[in-house]
Structures are given as structure tokens and as C-alpha cells.
């Protein structure tokens, strides 16, 4: 008799647990549906509706909504601009492990927006996001190691993080990686690799990389000397706002090599 009673109790517990799981799953599905609706409102530029939706869900602990609400406060969309509240909600989402929020929180600490400037905390949050594969955070972390901001200068770690970002297609990381290869900082000097990474960044429109690539073509470093290519890339750099390119253009009379 006791065994039968125990069996019935276990069945009831199992049934309740299954019901709770279903309710939880349905609630989660409903929350995600609401969040998706908020994103649709955002796409439609209905900022007030998006703000209301994100605020409601953020207060329930939804990390994506917390980040999105932070952005609305930061940009002043659907509400007044409030960088302190933006900072607060980025923090809530970052502490839940959301990489985008961690990266943005790092920026706020770096620039001192909504909070006092704190480059050590910027370094911390960039690291959290970078380790999750966030390409922007990887690039920023490379800069901090490169310049010794928020941490000790470490060219090898700068090289590592620029490489991670560069391989994901980040143009400025590609340019900086090229510079490290060129000067042999954090790695062995390798002008062929410098040429490769400057090319990757230059083809994405990075003016500094275009200028650097023009110099390599002009000097025959990492590649064969080619004054036509030098003229091409120096001109692109100048057209993209890199003023030093004009002086080099005139000094080398590169107009003579234009096709």
C-alpha cells in the first residue's frame, strides 16, 4: 500500500514538473515574441513603441532588451537621451554575458559617458566581449595593449588581438596588424605579411592602409616596386582624407605614373 502511495506521489510530482516546464517554455516563447515585436518597431522607426517594449522586458531581466533599452537611452530614441541610464542598462546586460553590451560598456568606461572614465574597467569589459569573439572588442583590446591603456603595454598581446579581429575582416585591425609586422613589434619583422594586411585593409577603404600600401609599392618592400600601383593607392589615400598622401604624391611626382 505504501509503495502504491509513493508511486502516485511521484507521478503527481512528475506531472506538476512537466506542467511547470511547459508554462516556463510558453512564457519564454512569449517573451521572445515580444522582444521580436520590439525589434520590428525599431526597424519601422516607431521608437516610442520599441522603447516601451524593451523597457517592459528589460525590467523582467531580458538581456537583449536591456541592451536595446540602453541603446535607446544613449541615442535618445523614443525617450530623452540619458547616458547614465544607458550605462545602467548596458551594465545589466553585460553582467548577463551579452557580448554587444560588454563591448558598449567598455566604450562608456573608456570615454567616460554616463560614468567616470576608467580605462581599467574598459579593459576588463573589452576583454569579456573579445573572448566571446566580438570583433570590435578584439580591435579595441588590441589598441589598449598596444598603447598601454588600462593595462601594461604588451605588443605580443596587441598582435594577438589585432590578428583575431583582422581575420574577421576588421579593416583598422588589419592595418594595425600590418604595422606590427612591418616594424617587428609583438612578432618577427615580415614585410610580405605587412604588405598582405595593408592590402586587405586598403581594399576596404582604410586611408591609412592605402597610404602604407602606396609606400610599400614605391619602395619595393614586401612586394616588387610598382610606381603605377604606388600612384593608385596614394591617390586613393588622399581622396579618403589622408593629408600626408598629398606631400608624398608631389614629392615623388606620382602623377607621372597615372594610367
Protein backbone atom coordinates (compact mmCIF):
# COMPACT_ATOMS: atom_id res chain seq x y z
CA UNK A 1 0.00 0.00 0.00
CA UNK A 2 2.81 2.39 0.94
CA UNK A 3 4.57 1.61 -2.35
CA UNK A 4 1.40 2.48 -4.28
CA UNK A 5 1.01 5.81 -2.44
CA UNK A 6 4.65 6.70 -3.10
CA UNK A 7 4.22 5.82 -6.77
CA UNK A 8 1.16 8.08 -7.05
CA UNK A 9 3.00 10.95 -5.34
CA UNK A 10 5.93 10.57 -7.73
CA UNK A 11 3.56 10.65 -10.71
CA UNK A 12 1.91 13.81 -9.39
CA UNK A 13 5.31 15.48 -8.87
CA UNK A 14 6.37 14.49 -12.36
CA UNK A 15 3.16 15.83 -13.84
CA UNK A 16 3.49 19.15 -11.98
CA UNK A 17 7.13 19.46 -13.03
CA UNK A 18 6.21 18.78 -16.65
CA UNK A 19 3.41 21.35 -16.45
CA UNK A 20 5.79 23.93 -14.94
CA UNK A 21 8.29 23.25 -17.71
CA UNK A 22 5.61 23.78 -20.33
CA UNK A 23 4.47 27.01 -18.68
CA UNK A 24 8.06 28.22 -18.48
CA UNK A 25 8.65 27.35 -22.12
CA UNK A 26 5.48 29.17 -23.15
CA UNK A 27 6.44 32.21 -21.09
CA UNK A 28 9.87 32.27 -22.66
CA UNK A 29 8.38 31.93 -26.12
CA UNK A 30 6.02 34.82 -25.36
CA UNK A 31 8.88 36.99 -24.08
CA UNK A 32 10.97 36.32 -27.20
CA UNK A 33 7.93 37.10 -29.34
CA UNK A 34 7.52 40.43 -27.56
CA UNK A 35 11.22 41.18 -27.99
CA UNK A 36 10.97 40.42 -31.72
CA UNK A 37 8.00 42.80 -31.91
CA UNK A 38 10.14 45.48 -30.30
CA UNK A 39 12.83 44.95 -32.91
CA UNK A 40 10.22 45.24 -35.67
CA UNK A 41 9.04 48.54 -34.17
CA UNK A 42 12.65 49.70 -34.17
CA UNK A 43 13.08 48.80 -37.85
CA UNK A 44 9.91 50.76 -38.61
CA UNK A 45 11.33 53.74 -36.70
CA UNK A 46 8.48 53.55 -34.20
CA UNK A 47 10.88 54.42 -31.41
CA UNK A 48 8.28 55.09 -28.73
CA UNK A 49 6.72 51.64 -29.14
CA UNK A 50 10.15 49.98 -29.27
CA UNK A 51 11.20 51.83 -26.12
CA UNK A 52 8.07 50.72 -24.23
CA UNK A 53 8.54 47.13 -25.30
CA UNK A 54 12.24 46.98 -24.43
CA UNK A 55 11.67 48.70 -21.07
CA UNK A 56 8.99 46.23 -20.06
CA UNK A 57 11.15 43.24 -20.97
CA UNK A 58 14.37 44.75 -19.58
CA UNK A 59 12.74 45.12 -16.19
CA UNK A 60 11.93 41.40 -16.38
CA UNK A 61 15.61 40.62 -16.89
CA UNK A 62 15.79 40.01 -20.67
CA UNK A 63 19.42 40.69 -21.62
CA UNK A 64 18.73 41.62 -25.24
CA UNK A 65 16.01 44.06 -24.18
CA UNK A 66 18.32 45.56 -21.55
CA UNK A 67 20.96 46.21 -24.21
CA UNK A 68 18.38 47.57 -26.66
CA UNK A 69 16.92 49.83 -23.96
CA UNK A 70 20.41 51.09 -23.22
CA UNK A 71 20.83 51.99 -26.87
CA UNK A 72 17.53 53.87 -26.91
CA UNK A 73 18.62 55.93 -23.90
CA UNK A 74 22.02 56.50 -25.46
CA UNK A 75 20.62 57.62 -28.83
CA UNK A 76 17.53 59.37 -27.46
CA UNK A 77 15.13 57.21 -29.47
CA UNK A 78 11.63 57.03 -28.00
CA UNK A 79 12.87 58.83 -24.90
CA UNK A 80 15.20 61.64 -23.86
CA UNK A 81 18.92 61.00 -24.18
CA UNK A 82 20.19 59.78 -20.81
CA UNK A 83 23.72 58.38 -20.81
CA UNK A 84 23.57 57.41 -17.16
CA UNK A 85 20.55 55.22 -17.80
CA UNK A 86 22.20 53.88 -20.94
CA UNK A 87 25.21 52.95 -18.82
CA UNK A 88 22.95 51.28 -16.24
CA UNK A 89 21.19 49.07 -18.76
CA UNK A 90 24.39 48.20 -20.63
CA UNK A 91 25.73 47.05 -17.27
CA UNK A 92 22.70 44.85 -16.60
CA UNK A 93 23.02 43.15 -19.99
CA UNK A 94 26.82 42.91 -19.79
CA UNK A 95 26.65 41.16 -16.44
CA UNK A 96 24.41 38.56 -18.08
CA UNK A 97 27.18 37.86 -20.60
CA UNK A 98 25.85 39.68 -23.67
CA UNK A 99 28.94 40.47 -25.77
CA UNK A 100 27.48 43.56 -27.50
CA UNK A 101 26.61 45.06 -24.13
CA UNK A 102 30.06 44.23 -22.75
CA UNK A 103 31.69 46.00 -25.68
CA UNK A 104 29.46 49.06 -25.34
CA UNK A 105 30.04 49.16 -21.61
CA UNK A 106 33.77 49.15 -22.32
CA UNK A 107 33.30 52.17 -24.60
CA UNK A 108 31.34 54.03 -21.93
CA UNK A 109 34.13 53.45 -19.38
CA UNK A 110 36.79 54.41 -21.93
CA UNK A 111 35.10 57.66 -22.95
CA UNK A 112 33.57 58.47 -19.57
CA UNK A 113 29.98 58.55 -20.82
CA UNK A 114 27.37 58.04 -18.12
CA UNK A 115 30.16 57.15 -15.70
CA UNK A 116 33.64 58.45 -14.79
CA UNK A 117 36.42 57.46 -17.19
CA UNK A 118 38.02 54.21 -16.06
CA UNK A 119 40.33 52.57 -18.58
CA UNK A 120 40.97 49.57 -16.35
CA UNK A 121 37.25 48.78 -16.39
CA UNK A 122 37.16 49.49 -20.12
CA UNK A 123 39.96 46.97 -20.48
CA UNK A 124 38.01 44.44 -18.38
CA UNK A 125 34.82 44.69 -20.40
CA UNK A 126 36.57 44.72 -23.78
CA UNK A 127 38.28 41.52 -22.66
CA UNK A 128 34.97 39.87 -21.75
CA UNK A 129 33.50 40.71 -25.14
CA UNK A 130 36.68 39.92 -27.09
CA UNK A 131 36.88 36.45 -25.59
CA UNK A 132 33.36 35.82 -26.94
CA UNK A 133 34.55 36.71 -30.44
CA UNK A 134 33.28 40.28 -30.68
CA UNK A 135 35.46 41.73 -33.46
CA UNK A 136 35.15 45.37 -32.39
CA UNK A 137 36.13 44.48 -28.84
CA UNK A 138 39.10 42.47 -30.12
CA UNK A 139 40.31 45.50 -32.06
CA UNK A 140 39.82 47.85 -29.08
CA UNK A 141 41.59 45.40 -26.78
CA UNK A 142 44.49 45.32 -29.22
CA UNK A 143 44.72 49.11 -29.02
CA UNK A 144 44.78 49.07 -25.21
CA UNK A 145 47.60 46.53 -25.17
CA UNK A 146 49.40 48.43 -27.95
CA UNK A 147 49.25 51.78 -26.10
CA UNK A 148 49.34 50.54 -22.51
CA UNK A 149 45.91 51.93 -21.60
CA UNK A 150 44.14 50.25 -18.69
CA UNK A 151 46.87 47.63 -18.68
CA UNK A 152 50.60 47.30 -19.24
CA UNK A 153 51.89 47.72 -22.79
CA UNK A 154 52.17 44.27 -24.34
CA UNK A 155 52.88 44.20 -28.08
CA UNK A 156 52.54 40.42 -28.25
CA UNK A 157 49.01 40.57 -26.87
CA UNK A 158 48.27 43.54 -29.12
CA UNK A 159 49.46 41.41 -32.04
CA UNK A 160 47.26 38.52 -30.90
CA UNK A 161 44.07 40.57 -30.61
CA UNK A 162 44.65 42.52 -33.82
CA UNK A 163 45.08 39.17 -35.53
CA UNK A 164 41.76 37.87 -34.15
CA UNK A 165 39.94 40.99 -35.38
CA UNK A 166 41.83 41.16 -38.69
CA UNK A 167 40.91 37.59 -39.55
CA UNK A 168 37.26 38.54 -39.03
CA UNK A 169 37.68 41.35 -41.57
CA UNK A 170 38.13 44.40 -39.35
CA UNK A 171 39.92 46.93 -41.58
CA UNK A 172 41.63 49.02 -38.89
CA UNK A 173 42.82 45.88 -37.12
CA UNK A 174 44.23 44.68 -40.44
CA UNK A 175 46.08 47.98 -40.87
CA UNK A 176 47.47 47.89 -37.33
CA UNK A 177 48.49 44.26 -37.76
CA UNK A 178 50.33 45.23 -40.92
CA UNK A 179 52.22 47.88 -38.96
CA UNK A 180 53.26 45.38 -36.28
CA UNK A 181 54.58 43.04 -38.97
CA UNK A 182 56.38 45.93 -40.67
CA UNK A 183 58.16 47.15 -37.54
CA UNK A 184 58.55 43.73 -35.92
CA UNK A 185 56.55 44.62 -32.81
CA UNK A 186 54.99 41.69 -30.97
CA UNK A 187 56.17 39.44 -33.77
CA UNK A 188 59.09 39.00 -36.17
CA UNK A 189 59.50 41.58 -38.93
CA UNK A 190 57.78 40.28 -42.04
CA UNK A 191 57.19 42.84 -44.78
CA UNK A 192 55.38 40.37 -47.01
CA UNK A 193 52.78 39.89 -44.30
CA UNK A 194 52.73 43.64 -43.72
CA UNK A 195 52.01 44.06 -47.42
CA UNK A 196 49.26 41.41 -47.25
CA UNK A 197 47.43 43.01 -44.33
CA UNK A 198 47.78 46.56 -45.64
CA UNK A 199 46.26 45.29 -48.88
CA UNK A 200 43.29 43.72 -47.05
CA UNK A 201 42.59 46.95 -45.20
CA UNK A 202 43.25 49.21 -48.20
CA UNK A 203 40.75 47.29 -50.32
CA UNK A 204 38.14 48.01 -47.63
CA UNK A 205 38.83 51.74 -47.97
CA UNK A 206 41.07 52.36 -44.96
CA UNK A 207 43.02 55.52 -45.84
CA UNK A 208 46.00 54.84 -43.58
CA UNK A 209 46.39 51.36 -45.08
CA UNK A 210 46.09 52.77 -48.61
CA UNK A 211 48.89 55.21 -47.85
CA UNK A 212 51.05 52.49 -46.29
CA UNK A 213 50.43 50.22 -49.26
CA UNK A 214 51.45 53.00 -51.63
CA UNK A 215 54.71 53.39 -49.72
CA UNK A 216 55.45 49.66 -49.96
CA UNK A 217 54.83 49.66 -53.70
CA UNK A 218 57.01 52.75 -54.08
CA UNK A 219 59.90 51.27 -52.07
CA UNK A 220 59.51 47.68 -53.21
CA UNK A 221 59.02 46.39 -49.67
CA UNK A 222 57.14 43.12 -49.27
CA UNK A 223 56.41 43.22 -52.98
CA UNK A 224 58.02 44.30 -56.24
CA UNK A 225 58.38 48.04 -56.78
CA UNK A 226 55.49 49.29 -58.89
CA UNK A 227 55.07 53.04 -59.27
CA UNK A 228 51.71 52.73 -61.02
CA UNK A 229 50.33 50.85 -58.02
CA UNK A 230 52.01 53.34 -55.71
CA UNK A 231 50.30 56.21 -57.52
CA UNK A 232 46.96 54.43 -57.44
CA UNK A 233 46.99 53.81 -53.67
CA UNK A 234 48.49 57.14 -52.66
CA UNK A 235 45.80 58.91 -54.65
CA UNK A 236 43.07 56.81 -53.01
CA UNK A 237 44.50 57.64 -49.59
CA UNK A 238 44.41 61.36 -50.33
CA UNK A 239 40.87 61.17 -51.72
CA UNK A 240 39.87 59.41 -48.49
CA UNK A 241 41.23 62.28 -46.40
CA UNK A 242 44.78 61.18 -45.57
CA UNK A 243 46.59 64.51 -45.92
CA UNK A 244 50.15 63.12 -45.80
CA UNK A 245 49.45 61.41 -49.09
CA UNK A 246 49.43 64.76 -50.89
CA UNK A 247 53.01 65.54 -49.84
CA UNK A 248 54.22 62.12 -50.93
CA UNK A 249 52.33 62.44 -54.23
CA UNK A 250 54.08 65.72 -55.01
CA UNK A 251 57.49 64.65 -53.71
CA UNK A 252 57.56 61.55 -55.91
CA UNK A 253 55.72 63.26 -58.80
CA UNK A 254 53.33 60.32 -58.85
CA UNK A 255 51.06 61.98 -61.42
CA UNK A 256 53.57 60.75 -64.00
CA UNK A 257 52.51 57.16 -63.29
CA UNK A 258 48.76 57.57 -63.55
CA UNK A 259 47.18 55.46 -66.25
